[in-house]
C-alpha cells in the first residue's frame, strides 16, 4: 500500500453509482461489502475501494480521521 492512498480515500469522491459524490472514506460498509461480493471495478478506483473495504472491515476507519483535517 502506498501511504498516499490513505489521503486519496479522504479526498476522492465516488465517481458513479448509488453513492456518487460521497468521499470514498465515507462509503457505507454494506456498499463496500457488496463490491467485495460482486467484484471491485477495474483500475485505480477498484483498488481504492478494495483498500477502503479492508480498512472498514477491520475496524480501522479511525485511522483516517487525522487525514481529514
C-alpha atoms as a PDB file:
ATOM      1  CA  UNK A   1       0.000   0.000   0.000  1.00  0.00           C
ATOM      2  CA  UNK A   2       1.157   3.472  -0.840  1.00  0.00           C
ATOM      3  CA  UNK A   3       0.717   5.926   2.087  1.00  0.00           C
ATOM      4  CA  UNK A   4      -0.715   8.450  -0.369  1.00  0.00           C
ATOM      5  CA  UNK A   5      -3.638   6.059  -0.885  1.00  0.00           C
ATOM      6  CA  UNK A   6      -4.937   6.904   2.588  1.00  0.00           C
ATOM      7  CA  UNK A   7      -5.002  10.610   1.718  1.00  0.00           C
ATOM      8  CA  UNK A   8      -6.786   9.762  -1.522  1.00  0.00           C
ATOM      9  CA  UNK A   9      -9.518   7.907   0.398  1.00  0.00           C
ATOM     10  CA  UNK A  10     -10.412  11.090   2.276  1.00  0.00           C
ATOM     11  CA  UNK A  11     -10.314  13.379  -0.778  1.00  0.00           C
ATOM     12  CA  UNK A  12     -11.584  11.373  -3.770  1.00  0.00           C
ATOM     13  CA  UNK A  13     -15.316  11.193  -4.353  1.00  0.00           C
ATOM     14  CA  UNK A  14     -17.135   8.139  -5.669  1.00  0.00           C
ATOM     15  CA  UNK A  15     -17.493   8.793  -9.419  1.00  0.00           C
ATOM     16  CA  UNK A  16     -20.562   6.603 -10.078  1.00  0.00           C
ATOM     17  CA  UNK A  17     -23.343   4.527  -8.598  1.00  0.00           C
ATOM     18  CA  UNK A  18     -25.757   4.819  -5.721  1.00  0.00           C
ATOM     19  CA  UNK A  19     -23.287   6.777  -3.592  1.00  0.00           C
ATOM     20  CA  UNK A  20     -21.881   9.008  -6.322  1.00  0.00           C
ATOM     21  CA  UNK A  21     -20.299  12.102  -4.783  1.00  0.00           C
ATOM     22  CA  UNK A  22     -19.513  10.510  -1.404  1.00  0.00           C
ATOM     23  CA  UNK A  23     -15.901  10.519  -0.260  1.00  0.00           C
ATOM     24  CA  UNK A  24     -14.502   7.003  -0.568  1.00  0.00           C
ATOM     25  CA  UNK A  25     -13.772   7.091   3.175  1.00  0.00           C
ATOM     26  CA  UNK A  26     -17.472   7.808   3.853  1.00  0.00           C
ATOM     27  CA  UNK A  27     -18.945   4.954   1.827  1.00  0.00           C
ATOM     28  CA  UNK A  28     -21.163   2.682   3.920  1.00  0.00           C
ATOM     29  CA  UNK A  29     -19.802  -0.717   4.894  1.00  0.00           C
ATOM     30  CA  UNK A  30     -22.668  -2.564   3.239  1.00  0.00           C
ATOM     31  CA  UNK A  31     -21.847  -0.880  -0.090  1.00  0.00           C
ATOM     32  CA  UNK A  32     -18.185  -1.863   0.239  1.00  0.00           C
ATOM     33  CA  UNK A  33     -19.256  -5.405   1.158  1.00  0.00           C
ATOM     34  CA  UNK A  34     -21.414  -5.527  -1.972  1.00  0.00           C
ATOM     35  CA  UNK A  35     -18.367  -4.712  -4.111  1.00  0.00           C
ATOM     36  CA  UNK A  36     -16.364  -7.365  -2.256  1.00  0.00           C
ATOM     37  CA  UNK A  37     -19.016  -9.963  -3.134  1.00  0.00           C
ATOM     38  CA  UNK A  38     -19.759  -8.825  -6.695  1.00  0.00           C
ATOM     39  CA  UNK A  39     -16.286  -7.694  -7.694  1.00  0.00           C
ATOM     40  CA  UNK A  40     -14.465  -4.400  -7.490  1.00  0.00           C
ATOM     41  CA  UNK A  41     -14.219  -2.283 -10.646  1.00  0.00           C
ATOM     42  CA  UNK A  42     -11.032  -2.493 -12.649  1.00  0.00           C
ATOM     43  CA  UNK A  43      -8.344   0.126 -12.289  1.00  0.00           C
ATOM     44  CA  UNK A  44      -7.453   2.649  -9.647  1.00  0.00           C
ATOM     45  CA  UNK A  45     -10.973   3.131  -8.281  1.00  0.00           C
ATOM     46  CA  UNK A  46     -11.368  -0.604  -7.738  1.00  0.00           C
ATOM     47  CA  UNK A  47      -8.031  -0.812  -5.937  1.00  0.00           C
ATOM     48  CA  UNK A  48      -9.014   2.088  -3.664  1.00  0.00           C
ATOM     49  CA  UNK A  49     -12.460   0.620  -2.971  1.00  0.00           C
ATOM     50  CA  UNK A  50     -10.822  -2.692  -2.035  1.00  0.00           C
ATOM     51  CA  UNK A  51      -8.472  -0.839   0.324  1.00  0.00           C
ATOM     52  CA  UNK A  52     -11.377   1.027   1.910  1.00  0.00           C
ATOM     53  CA  UNK A  53     -13.235  -2.264   2.316  1.00  0.00           C
ATOM     54  CA  UNK A  54     -10.261  -3.753   4.171  1.00  0.00           C
ATOM     55  CA  UNK A  55      -9.994  -0.698   6.415  1.00  0.00           C
ATOM     56  CA  UNK A  56     -13.728  -0.717   7.163  1.00  0.00           C
ATOM     57  CA  UNK A  57     -13.961  -4.482   7.600  1.00  0.00           C
ATOM     58  CA  UNK A  58     -11.111  -4.482  10.118  1.00  0.00           C
ATOM     59  CA  UNK A  59     -12.493  -1.538  12.100  1.00  0.00           C
ATOM     60  CA  UNK A  60      -9.631   0.781  11.203  1.00  0.00           C
ATOM     61  CA  UNK A  61     -11.628   3.733   9.847  1.00  0.00           C
ATOM     62  CA  UNK A  62     -10.497   5.906  12.769  1.00  0.00           C
ATOM     63  CA  UNK A  63      -7.011   5.863  11.262  1.00  0.00           C
ATOM     64  CA  UNK A  64      -8.303   8.148   8.508  1.00  0.00           C
ATOM     65  CA  UNK A  65      -9.593  10.848  10.879  1.00  0.00           C
ATOM     66  CA  UNK A  66      -6.295  12.781  11.218  1.00  0.00           C
ATOM     67  CA  UNK A  67      -6.049  12.929   7.421  1.00  0.00           C
ATOM     68  CA  UNK A  68      -9.435  14.615   7.107  1.00  0.00           C
ATOM     69  CA  UNK A  69      -8.134  17.816   8.733  1.00  0.00           C
END
